[in-house]
PDB file of N, CA and C in Angstrom:
ATOM      1  N   MET A   1     -12.033  15.076 186.897  1.00  0.00           N
ATOM      2  CA  MET A   1     -11.656  14.012 186.010  1.00  0.00           C
ATOM      3  C   MET A   1     -12.458  12.766 186.375  1.00  0.00           C
ATOM      4  N   PHE A   2     -12.846  12.017 185.340  1.00  0.00           N
ATOM      5  CA  PHE A   2     -13.585  10.781 185.539  1.00  0.00           C
ATOM      6  C   PHE A   2     -12.644   9.599 185.432  1.00  0.00           C
ATOM      7  N   VAL A   3     -12.895   8.582 186.273  1.00  0.00           N
ATOM      8  CA  VAL A   3     -12.110   7.357 186.254  1.00  0.00           C
ATOM      9  C   VAL A   3     -13.077   6.177 186.294  1.00  0.00           C
ATOM     10  N   LYS A   4     -12.855   5.226 185.389  1.00  0.00           N
ATOM     11  CA  LYS A   4     -13.645   3.995 185.397  1.00  0.00           C
ATOM     12  C   LYS A   4     -12.839   2.919 186.109  1.00  0.00           C
ATOM     13  N   GLY A   5     -13.491   2.243 187.034  1.00  0.00           N
ATOM     14  CA  GLY A   5     -12.848   1.145 187.723  1.00  0.00           C
ATOM     15  C   GLY A   5     -13.580  -0.145 187.477  1.00  0.00           C
ATOM     16  N   THR A   6     -12.836  -1.217 187.293  1.00  0.00           N
ATOM     17  CA  THR A   6     -13.406  -2.555 187.263  1.00  0.00           C
ATOM     18  C   THR A   6     -12.697  -3.363 188.336  1.00  0.00           C
ATOM     19  N   ILE A   7     -13.493  -4.051 189.162  1.00  0.00           N
ATOM     20  CA  ILE A   7     -12.957  -4.662 190.365  1.00  0.00           C
ATOM     21  C   ILE A   7     -13.732  -5.950 190.646  1.00  0.00           C
ATOM     22  N   THR A   8     -13.036  -6.973 191.114  1.00  0.00           N
ATOM     23  CA  THR A   8     -13.680  -8.193 191.577  1.00  0.00           C
ATOM     24  C   THR A   8     -13.938  -8.061 193.076  1.00  0.00           C
ATOM     25  N   LEU A   9     -15.152  -8.370 193.489  1.00  0.00           N
ATOM     26  CA  LEU A   9     -15.555  -8.316 194.888  1.00  0.00           C
ATOM     27  C   LEU A   9     -15.752  -9.732 195.416  1.00  0.00           C
ATOM     28  N   SER A  10     -15.101 -10.075 196.512  1.00  0.00           N
ATOM     29  CA  SER A  10     -15.257 -11.419 197.093  1.00  0.00           C
ATOM     30  C   SER A  10     -16.451 -11.501 198.038  1.00  0.00           C
ATOM     31  N   LYS A  11     -16.965 -10.354 198.479  1.00  0.00           N
ATOM     32  CA  LYS A  11     -18.086 -10.364 199.435  1.00  0.00           C
ATOM     33  C   LYS A  11     -19.350  -9.749 198.853  1.00  0.00           C
ATOM     34  N   GLY A  12     -19.384  -9.528 197.553  1.00  0.00           N
ATOM     35  CA  GLY A  12     -20.591  -9.032 196.884  1.00  0.00           C
ATOM     36  C   GLY A  12     -20.777  -7.528 197.005  1.00  0.00           C
ATOM     37  N   PHE A  13     -21.759  -7.044 196.257  1.00  0.00           N
ATOM     38  CA  PHE A  13     -22.000  -5.612 196.128  1.00  0.00           C
ATOM     39  C   PHE A  13     -22.479  -4.962 197.421  1.00  0.00           C
ATOM     40  N   GLU A  14     -23.382  -5.590 198.151  1.00  0.00           N
ATOM     41  CA  GLU A  14     -23.958  -4.959 199.344  1.00  0.00           C
ATOM     42  C   GLU A  14     -22.877  -4.647 200.391  1.00  0.00           C
ATOM     43  N   THR A  15     -21.932  -5.563 200.577  1.00  0.00           N
ATOM     44  CA  THR A  15     -20.844  -5.311 201.537  1.00  0.00           C
ATOM     45  C   THR A  15     -20.015  -4.128 201.088  1.00  0.00           C
ATOM     46  N   TRP A  16     -19.702  -4.083 199.787  1.00  0.00           N
ATOM     47  CA  TRP A  16     -18.929  -2.958 199.240  1.00  0.00           C
ATOM     48  C   TRP A  16     -19.704  -1.656 199.391  1.00  0.00           C
ATOM     49  N   LYS A  17     -20.984  -1.690 199.054  1.00  0.00           N
ATOM     50  CA  LYS A  17     -21.834  -0.493 199.149  1.00  0.00           C
ATOM     51  C   LYS A  17     -21.893   0.036 200.581  1.00  0.00           C
ATOM     52  N   ASN A  18     -21.973  -0.842 201.571  1.00  0.00           N
ATOM     53  CA  ASN A  18     -21.986  -0.422 202.967  1.00  0.00           C
ATOM     54  C   ASN A  18     -20.677   0.248 203.354  1.00  0.00           C
ATOM     55  N   MET A  19     -19.558  -0.257 202.835  1.00  0.00           N
ATOM     56  CA  MET A  19     -18.253   0.358 203.094  1.00  0.00           C
ATOM     57  C   MET A  19     -18.208   1.770 202.503  1.00  0.00           C
ATOM     58  N   VAL A  20     -18.743   1.915 201.282  1.00  0.00           N
ATOM     59  CA  VAL A  20     -18.776   3.235 200.660  1.00  0.00           C
ATOM     60  C   VAL A  20     -19.600   4.199 201.509  1.00  0.00           C
ATOM     61  N   SER A  21     -20.772   3.772 201.937  1.00  0.00           N
ATOM     62  CA  SER A  21     -21.626   4.642 202.761  1.00  0.00           C
ATOM     63  C   SER A  21     -20.928   5.067 204.033  1.00  0.00           C
ATOM     64  N   ALA A  22     -20.161   4.163 204.632  1.00  0.00           N
ATOM     65  CA  ALA A  22     -19.455   4.483 205.880  1.00  0.00           C
ATOM     66  C   ALA A  22     -18.299   5.452 205.648  1.00  0.00           C
ATOM     67  N   ASN A  23     -17.886   5.649 204.405  1.00  0.00           N
ATOM     68  CA  ASN A  23     -16.729   6.500 204.104  1.00  0.00           C
ATOM     69  C   ASN A  23     -17.090   7.765 203.321  1.00  0.00           C
ATOM     70  N   GLU A  24     -18.339   8.163 203.305  1.00  0.00           N
ATOM     71  CA  GLU A  24     -18.748   9.336 202.540  1.00  0.00           C
ATOM     72  C   GLU A  24     -18.022  10.605 202.971  1.00  0.00           C
ATOM     73  N   THR A  25     -17.832  10.789 204.266  1.00  0.00           N
ATOM     74  CA  THR A  25     -17.128  11.990 204.751  1.00  0.00           C
ATOM     75  C   THR A  25     -15.690  12.010 204.242  1.00  0.00           C
ATOM     76  N   LYS A  26     -15.013  10.867 204.294  1.00  0.00           N
ATOM     77  CA  LYS A  26     -13.640  10.784 203.810  1.00  0.00           C
ATOM     78  C   LYS A  26     -13.586  11.055 202.309  1.00  0.00           C
ATOM     79  N   MET A  27     -14.557  10.528 201.554  1.00  0.00           N
ATOM     80  CA  MET A  27     -14.606  10.739 200.114  1.00  0.00           C
ATOM     81  C   MET A  27     -14.707  12.236 199.801  1.00  0.00           C
ATOM     82  N   ARG A  28     -15.602  12.926 200.521  1.00  0.00           N
ATOM     83  CA  ARG A  28     -15.747  14.382 200.323  1.00  0.00           C
ATOM     84  C   ARG A  28     -14.440  15.096 200.617  1.00  0.00           C
ATOM     85  N   LYS A  29     -13.781  14.708 201.712  1.00  0.00           N
ATOM     86  CA  LYS A  29     -12.523  15.357 202.109  1.00  0.00           C
ATOM     87  C   LYS A  29     -11.438  15.151 201.052  1.00  0.00           C
ATOM     88  N   ILE A  30     -11.342  13.936 200.522  1.00  0.00           N
ATOM     89  CA  ILE A  30     -10.348  13.649 199.478  1.00  0.00           C
ATOM     90  C   ILE A  30     -10.690  14.414 198.206  1.00  0.00           C
ATOM     91  N   GLY A  31     -11.972  14.485 197.875  1.00  0.00           N
ATOM     92  CA  GLY A  31     -12.391  15.206 196.677  1.00  0.00           C
ATOM     93  C   GLY A  31     -12.840  14.302 195.546  1.00  0.00           C
ATOM     94  N   PHE A  32     -13.653  13.296 195.884  1.00  0.00           N
ATOM     95  CA  PHE A  32     -14.229  12.462 194.822  1.00  0.00           C
ATOM     96  C   PHE A  32     -15.602  11.964 195.195  1.00  0.00           C
ATOM     97  N   ARG A  33     -16.342  11.596 194.163  1.00  0.00           N
ATOM     98  CA  ARG A  33     -17.663  11.054 194.338  1.00  0.00           C
ATOM     99  C   ARG A  33     -17.881   9.923 193.354  1.00  0.00           C
ATOM    100  N   ILE A  34     -18.776   9.032 193.688  1.00  0.00           N
ATOM    101  CA  ILE A  34     -19.124   7.936 192.791  1.00  0.00           C
ATOM    102  C   ILE A  34     -20.304   8.396 191.950  1.00  0.00           C
ATOM    103  N   VAL A  35     -20.136   8.365 190.638  1.00  0.00           N
ATOM    104  CA  VAL A  35     -21.187   8.743 189.697  1.00  0.00           C
ATOM    105  C   VAL A  35     -22.101   7.543 189.445  1.00  0.00           C
ATOM    106  N   TYR A  36     -21.481   6.371 189.324  1.00  0.00           N
ATOM    107  CA  TYR A  36     -22.230   5.132 189.076  1.00  0.00           C
ATOM    108  C   TYR A  36     -21.431   3.976 189.643  1.00  0.00           C
ATOM    109  N   ALA A  37     -22.115   3.005 190.224  1.00  0.00           N
ATOM    110  CA  ALA A  37     -21.501   1.754 190.629  1.00  0.00           C
ATOM    111  C   ALA A  37     -22.551   0.659 190.492  1.00  0.00           C
ATOM    112  N   GLY A  38     -22.162  -0.425 189.861  1.00  0.00           N
ATOM    113  CA  GLY A  38     -23.075  -1.556 189.701  1.00  0.00           C
ATOM    114  C   GLY A  38     -22.309  -2.792 189.285  1.00  0.00           C
ATOM    115  N   THR A  39     -23.008  -3.923 189.360  1.00  0.00           N
ATOM    116  CA  THR A  39     -22.400  -5.192 189.013  1.00  0.00           C
ATOM    117  C   THR A  39     -23.114  -5.816 187.818  1.00  0.00           C
ATOM    118  N   ALA A  40     -22.470  -6.816 187.268  1.00  0.00           N
ATOM    119  CA  ALA A  40     -23.046  -7.540 186.131  1.00  0.00           C
ATOM    120  C   ALA A  40     -24.299  -8.282 186.571  1.00  0.00           C
ATOM    121  N   VAL A  41     -25.281  -8.379 185.681  1.00  0.00           N
ATOM    122  CA  VAL A  41     -26.496  -9.129 185.962  1.00  0.00           C
ATOM    123  C   VAL A  41     -26.112 -10.576 186.279  1.00  0.00           C
ATOM    124  N   GLY A  42     -26.583 -11.062 187.410  1.00  0.00           N
ATOM    125  CA  GLY A  42     -26.320 -12.438 187.792  1.00  0.00           C
ATOM    126  C   GLY A  42     -24.940 -12.676 188.405  1.00  0.00           C
ATOM    127  N   ASP A  43     -24.137 -11.639 188.599  1.00  0.00           N
ATOM    128  CA  ASP A  43     -22.799 -11.825 189.169  1.00  0.00           C
ATOM    129  C   ASP A  43     -22.405 -10.569 189.937  1.00  0.00           C
ATOM    130  N   ASP A  44     -22.739 -10.558 191.236  1.00  0.00           N
ATOM    131  CA  ASP A  44     -22.441  -9.336 192.009  1.00  0.00           C
ATOM    132  C   ASP A  44     -20.998  -9.282 192.483  1.00  0.00           C
ATOM    133  N   SER A  45     -20.130 -10.076 191.867  1.00  0.00           N
ATOM    134  CA  SER A  45     -18.709  -9.992 192.199  1.00  0.00           C
ATOM    135  C   SER A  45     -17.935  -9.161 191.180  1.00  0.00           C
ATOM    136  N   GLN A  46     -18.570  -8.769 190.090  1.00  0.00           N
ATOM    137  CA  GLN A  46     -17.881  -8.002 189.039  1.00  0.00           C
ATOM    138  C   GLN A  46     -18.394  -6.568 189.043  1.00  0.00           C
ATOM    139  N   LEU A  47     -17.667  -5.682 189.713  1.00  0.00           N
ATOM    140  CA  LEU A  47     -18.076  -4.285 189.911  1.00  0.00           C
ATOM    141  C   LEU A  47     -17.516  -3.386 188.821  1.00  0.00           C
ATOM    142  N   THR A  48     -18.367  -2.497 188.312  1.00  0.00           N
ATOM    143  CA  THR A  48     -17.928  -1.398 187.485  1.00  0.00           C
ATOM    144  C   THR A  48     -18.311  -0.127 188.223  1.00  0.00           C
ATOM    145  N   VAL A  49     -17.387   0.813 188.344  1.00  0.00           N
ATOM    146  CA  VAL A  49     -17.636   2.052 189.068  1.00  0.00           C
ATOM    147  C   VAL A  49     -17.066   3.214 188.252  1.00  0.00           C
ATOM    148  N   ILE A  50     -17.845   4.288 188.170  1.00  0.00           N
ATOM    149  CA  ILE A  50     -17.380   5.536 187.554  1.00  0.00           C
ATOM    150  C   ILE A  50     -17.266   6.555 188.679  1.00  0.00           C
ATOM    151  N   MET A  51     -16.069   7.103 188.830  1.00  0.00           N
ATOM    152  CA  MET A  51     -15.815   8.088 189.891  1.00  0.00           C
ATOM    153  C   MET A  51     -15.404   9.402 189.263  1.00  0.00           C
ATOM    154  N   GLN A  52     -15.762  10.490 189.923  1.00  0.00           N
ATOM    155  CA  GLN A  52     -15.337  11.811 189.482  1.00  0.00           C
ATOM    156  C   GLN A  52     -14.447  12.398 190.565  1.00  0.00           C
ATOM    157  N   PHE A  53     -13.217  12.748 190.184  1.00  0.00           N
ATOM    158  CA  PHE A  53     -12.241  13.323 191.100  1.00  0.00           C
ATOM    159  C   PHE A  53     -12.097  14.805 190.816  1.00  0.00           C
ATOM    160  N   ASP A  54     -11.946  15.603 191.867  1.00  0.00           N
ATOM    161  CA  ASP A  54     -11.780  17.050 191.716  1.00  0.00           C
ATOM    162  C   ASP A  54     -10.470  17.418 191.024  1.00  0.00           C
ATOM    163  N   SER A  55      -9.464  16.550 191.123  1.00  0.00           N
ATOM    164  CA  SER A  55      -8.142  16.834 190.551  1.00  0.00           C
ATOM    165  C   SER A  55      -7.333  15.547 190.470  1.00  0.00           C
ATOM    166  N   PRO A  56      -6.252  15.567 189.696  1.00  0.00           N
ATOM    167  CA  PRO A  56      -5.345  14.422 189.707  1.00  0.00           C
ATOM    168  C   PRO A  56      -4.770  14.148 191.105  1.00  0.00           C
ATOM    169  N   GLN A  57      -4.590  15.199 191.886  1.00  0.00           N
ATOM    170  CA  GLN A  57      -4.082  15.032 193.244  1.00  0.00           C
ATOM    171  C   GLN A  57      -5.081  14.270 194.119  1.00  0.00           C
ATOM    172  N   ALA A  58      -6.372  14.507 193.905  1.00  0.00           N
ATOM    173  CA  ALA A  58      -7.400  13.769 194.645  1.00  0.00           C
ATOM    174  C   ALA A  58      -7.348  12.291 194.305  1.00  0.00           C
ATOM    175  N   LEU A  59      -7.132  11.971 193.037  1.00  0.00           N
ATOM    176  CA  LEU A  59      -6.988  10.571 192.630  1.00  0.00           C
ATOM    177  C   LEU A  59      -5.778   9.945 193.334  1.00  0.00           C
ATOM    178  N   GLU A  60      -4.665  10.635 193.374  1.00  0.00           N
ATOM    179  CA  GLU A  60      -3.472  10.125 194.045  1.00  0.00           C
ATOM    180  C   GLU A  60      -3.723   9.936 195.541  1.00  0.00           C
ATOM    181  N   GLU A  61      -4.419  10.883 196.163  1.00  0.00           N
ATOM    182  CA  GLU A  61      -4.726  10.759 197.587  1.00  0.00           C
ATOM    183  C   GLU A  61      -5.592   9.543 197.850  1.00  0.00           C
ATOM    184  N   PHE A  62      -6.585   9.304 196.980  1.00  0.00           N
ATOM    185  CA  PHE A  62      -7.436   8.116 197.087  1.00  0.00           C
ATOM    186  C   PHE A  62      -6.583   6.842 196.978  1.00  0.00           C
ATOM    187  N   LYS A  63      -5.725   6.785 195.968  1.00  0.00           N
ATOM    188  CA  LYS A  63      -4.915   5.594 195.738  1.00  0.00           C
ATOM    189  C   LYS A  63      -3.935   5.341 196.888  1.00  0.00           C
ATOM    190  N   ASN A  64      -3.467   6.384 197.551  1.00  0.00           N
ATOM    191  CA  ASN A  64      -2.442   6.252 198.582  1.00  0.00           C
ATOM    192  C   ASN A  64      -2.975   6.247 200.014  1.00  0.00           C
ATOM    193  N   ASP A  65      -4.305   6.279 200.180  1.00  0.00           N
ATOM    194  CA  ASP A  65      -4.892   6.294 201.518  1.00  0.00           C
ATOM    195  C   ASP A  65      -4.909   4.869 202.080  1.00  0.00           C
ATOM    196  N   ALA A  66      -3.969   4.573 202.973  1.00  0.00           N
ATOM    197  CA  ALA A  66      -3.806   3.221 203.520  1.00  0.00           C
ATOM    198  C   ALA A  66      -5.036   2.762 204.302  1.00  0.00           C
ATOM    199  N   GLU A  67      -5.646   3.656 205.065  1.00  0.00           N
ATOM    200  CA  GLU A  67      -6.815   3.276 205.857  1.00  0.00           C
ATOM    201  C   GLU A  67      -7.993   2.907 204.946  1.00  0.00           C
ATOM    202  N   LEU A  68      -8.220   3.719 203.916  1.00  0.00           N
ATOM    203  CA  LEU A  68      -9.310   3.433 202.991  1.00  0.00           C
ATOM    204  C   LEU A  68      -9.023   2.149 202.193  1.00  0.00           C
ATOM    205  N   THR A  69      -7.778   1.926 201.836  1.00  0.00           N
ATOM    206  CA  THR A  69      -7.408   0.688 201.142  1.00  0.00           C
ATOM    207  C   THR A  69      -7.693  -0.519 202.031  1.00  0.00           C
ATOM    208  N   ARG A  70      -7.347  -0.429 203.304  1.00  0.00           N
ATOM    209  CA  ARG A  70      -7.613  -1.518 204.254  1.00  0.00           C
ATOM    210  C   ARG A  70      -9.111  -1.784 204.344  1.00  0.00           C
ATOM    211  N   GLU A  71      -9.923  -0.718 204.432  1.00  0.00           N
ATOM    212  CA  GLU A  71     -11.368  -0.885 204.526  1.00  0.00           C
ATOM    213  C   GLU A  71     -11.933  -1.495 203.243  1.00  0.00           C
ATOM    214  N   ARG A  72     -11.399  -1.102 202.107  1.00  0.00           N
ATOM    215  CA  ARG A  72     -11.848  -1.674 200.839  1.00  0.00           C
ATOM    216  C   ARG A  72     -11.539  -3.167 200.783  1.00  0.00           C
ATOM    217  N   ILE A  73     -10.352  -3.549 201.231  1.00  0.00           N
ATOM    218  CA  ILE A  73      -9.980  -4.976 201.249  1.00  0.00           C
ATOM    219  C   ILE A  73     -10.898  -5.744 202.205  1.00  0.00           C
ATOM    220  N   GLU A  74     -11.164  -5.177 203.377  1.00  0.00           N
ATOM    221  CA  GLU A  74     -12.063  -5.825 204.331  1.00  0.00           C
ATOM    222  C   GLU A  74     -13.474  -5.974 203.774  1.00  0.00           C
ATOM    223  N   ALA A  75     -13.869  -5.089 202.879  1.00  0.00           N
ATOM    224  CA  ALA A  75     -15.194  -5.151 202.252  1.00  0.00           C
ATOM    225  C   ALA A  75     -15.218  -6.098 201.059  1.00  0.00           C
ATOM    226  N   GLY A  76     -14.092  -6.748 200.768  1.00  0.00           N
ATOM    227  CA  GLY A  76     -14.079  -7.751 199.727  1.00  0.00           C
ATOM    228  C   GLY A  76     -13.451  -7.329 198.412  1.00  0.00           C
ATOM    229  N   VAL A  77     -12.863  -6.136 198.349  1.00  0.00           N
ATOM    230  CA  VAL A  77     -12.211  -5.697 197.113  1.00  0.00           C
ATOM    231  C   VAL A  77     -10.927  -6.521 196.916  1.00  0.00           C
ATOM    232  N   ASN A  78     -10.830  -7.150 195.764  1.00  0.00           N
ATOM    233  CA  ASN A  78      -9.616  -7.872 195.403  1.00  0.00           C
ATOM    234  C   ASN A  78      -8.724  -6.871 194.676  1.00  0.00           C
ATOM    235  N   MET A  79      -7.775  -6.284 195.405  1.00  0.00           N
ATOM    236  CA  MET A  79      -6.953  -5.203 194.862  1.00  0.00           C
ATOM    237  C   MET A  79      -6.139  -5.645 193.641  1.00  0.00           C
ATOM    238  N   GLU A  80      -5.785  -6.905 193.565  1.00  0.00           N
ATOM    239  CA  GLU A  80      -5.004  -7.401 192.424  1.00  0.00           C
ATOM    240  C   GLU A  80      -5.795  -7.323 191.114  1.00  0.00           C
ATOM    241  N   THR A  81      -7.123  -7.311 191.214  1.00  0.00           N
ATOM    242  CA  THR A  81      -7.953  -7.272 190.000  1.00  0.00           C
ATOM    243  C   THR A  81      -8.390  -5.863 189.636  1.00  0.00           C
ATOM    244  N   ALA A  82      -8.131  -4.895 190.507  1.00  0.00           N
ATOM    245  CA  ALA A  82      -8.613  -3.527 190.297  1.00  0.00           C
ATOM    246  C   ALA A  82      -7.883  -2.877 189.119  1.00  0.00           C
ATOM    247  N   VAL A  83      -8.681  -2.398 188.167  1.00  0.00           N
ATOM    248  CA  VAL A  83      -8.148  -1.666 187.021  1.00  0.00           C
ATOM    249  C   VAL A  83      -8.818  -0.295 187.015  1.00  0.00           C
ATOM    250  N   MET A  84      -8.009   0.752 187.136  1.00  0.00           N
ATOM    251  CA  MET A  84      -8.523   2.120 187.150  1.00  0.00           C
ATOM    252  C   MET A  84      -8.115   2.793 185.851  1.00  0.00           C
ATOM    253  N   THR A  85      -9.103   3.261 185.079  1.00  0.00           N
ATOM    254  CA  THR A  85      -8.834   3.848 183.773  1.00  0.00           C
ATOM    255  C   THR A  85      -9.288   5.303 183.762  1.00  0.00           C
ATOM    256  N   PRO A  86      -8.355   6.259 183.711  1.00  0.00           N
ATOM    257  CA  PRO A  86      -8.744   7.670 183.566  1.00  0.00           C
ATOM    258  C   PRO A  86      -9.463   7.858 182.224  1.00  0.00           C
ATOM    259  N   MET A  87     -10.527   8.633 182.222  1.00  0.00           N
ATOM    260  CA  MET A  87     -11.316   8.878 181.018  1.00  0.00           C
ATOM    261  C   MET A  87     -11.006  10.273 180.488  1.00  0.00           C
ATOM    262  N   THR A  88     -11.275  10.474 179.193  1.00  0.00           N
ATOM    263  CA  THR A  88     -11.052  11.792 178.577  1.00  0.00           C
ATOM    264  C   THR A  88     -12.106  12.767 179.058  1.00  0.00           C
ATOM    265  N   ASP A  89     -11.868  14.036 178.826  1.00  0.00           N
ATOM    266  CA  ASP A  89     -12.837  15.062 179.147  1.00  0.00           C
ATOM    267  C   ASP A  89     -13.979  15.124 178.128  1.00  0.00           C
ATOM    268  N   LEU A  90     -13.803  14.452 177.001  1.00  0.00           N
ATOM    269  CA  LEU A  90     -14.843  14.436 175.969  1.00  0.00           C
ATOM    270  C   LEU A  90     -15.880  13.385 176.343  1.00  0.00           C
ATOM    271  N   SER A  91     -17.082  13.817 176.661  1.00  0.00           N
ATOM    272  CA  SER A  91     -18.115  12.896 177.078  1.00  0.00           C
ATOM    273  C   SER A  91     -19.502  13.498 176.857  1.00  0.00           C
ATOM    274  N   ILE A  92     -20.496  12.643 176.912  1.00  0.00           N
ATOM    275  CA  ILE A  92     -21.886  13.105 176.922  1.00  0.00           C
ATOM    276  C   ILE A  92     -22.597  12.346 178.043  1.00  0.00           C
ATOM    277  N   THR A  93     -23.596  12.962 178.600  1.00  0.00           N
ATOM    278  CA  THR A  93     -24.386  12.320 179.643  1.00  0.00           C
ATOM    279  C   THR A  93     -25.854  12.635 179.437  1.00  0.00           C
ATOM    280  N   ASN A  94     -26.699  11.775 179.933  1.00  0.00           N
ATOM    281  CA  ASN A  94     -28.142  11.986 179.945  1.00  0.00           C
ATOM    282  C   ASN A  94     -28.719  12.340 178.570  1.00  0.00           C
ATOM    283  N   VAL A  95     -28.404  11.534 177.574  1.00  0.00           N
ATOM    284  CA  VAL A  95     -28.921  11.758 176.245  1.00  0.00           C
ATOM    285  C   VAL A  95     -29.942  10.683 175.928  1.00  0.00           C
ATOM    286  N   PRO A  96     -31.149  10.988 175.504  1.00  0.00           N
ATOM    287  CA  PRO A  96     -31.685  12.348 175.385  1.00  0.00           C
ATOM    288  C   PRO A  96     -32.079  12.896 176.759  1.00  0.00           C
ATOM    289  N   SER A  97     -32.073  14.200 176.871  1.00  0.00           N
ATOM    290  CA  SER A  97     -32.391  14.813 178.170  1.00  0.00           C
ATOM    291  C   SER A  97     -33.864  14.941 178.333  1.00  0.00           C
TER     292      SER A  97
END
């Protein structure tokens, strides 16, 4: 399942990206990967991220992982602004191929 996240970052994209890199093993264990992550041109505090989860249970595990939540907050994620939107299975990618 794909989930779109929009999040405000207080420490910018590079700090967030370094946190993600440090947690790749945990991400694999939970069962998700980042398909895309980037910020608005001229404003690296406004993050959009597309994640792919192996299952709804993996999404719940991600949301309930206290250690990962703490690390995200330390990396500047403003949890109050985080909006996670599950996407439909109907999609297209890489058009034209």
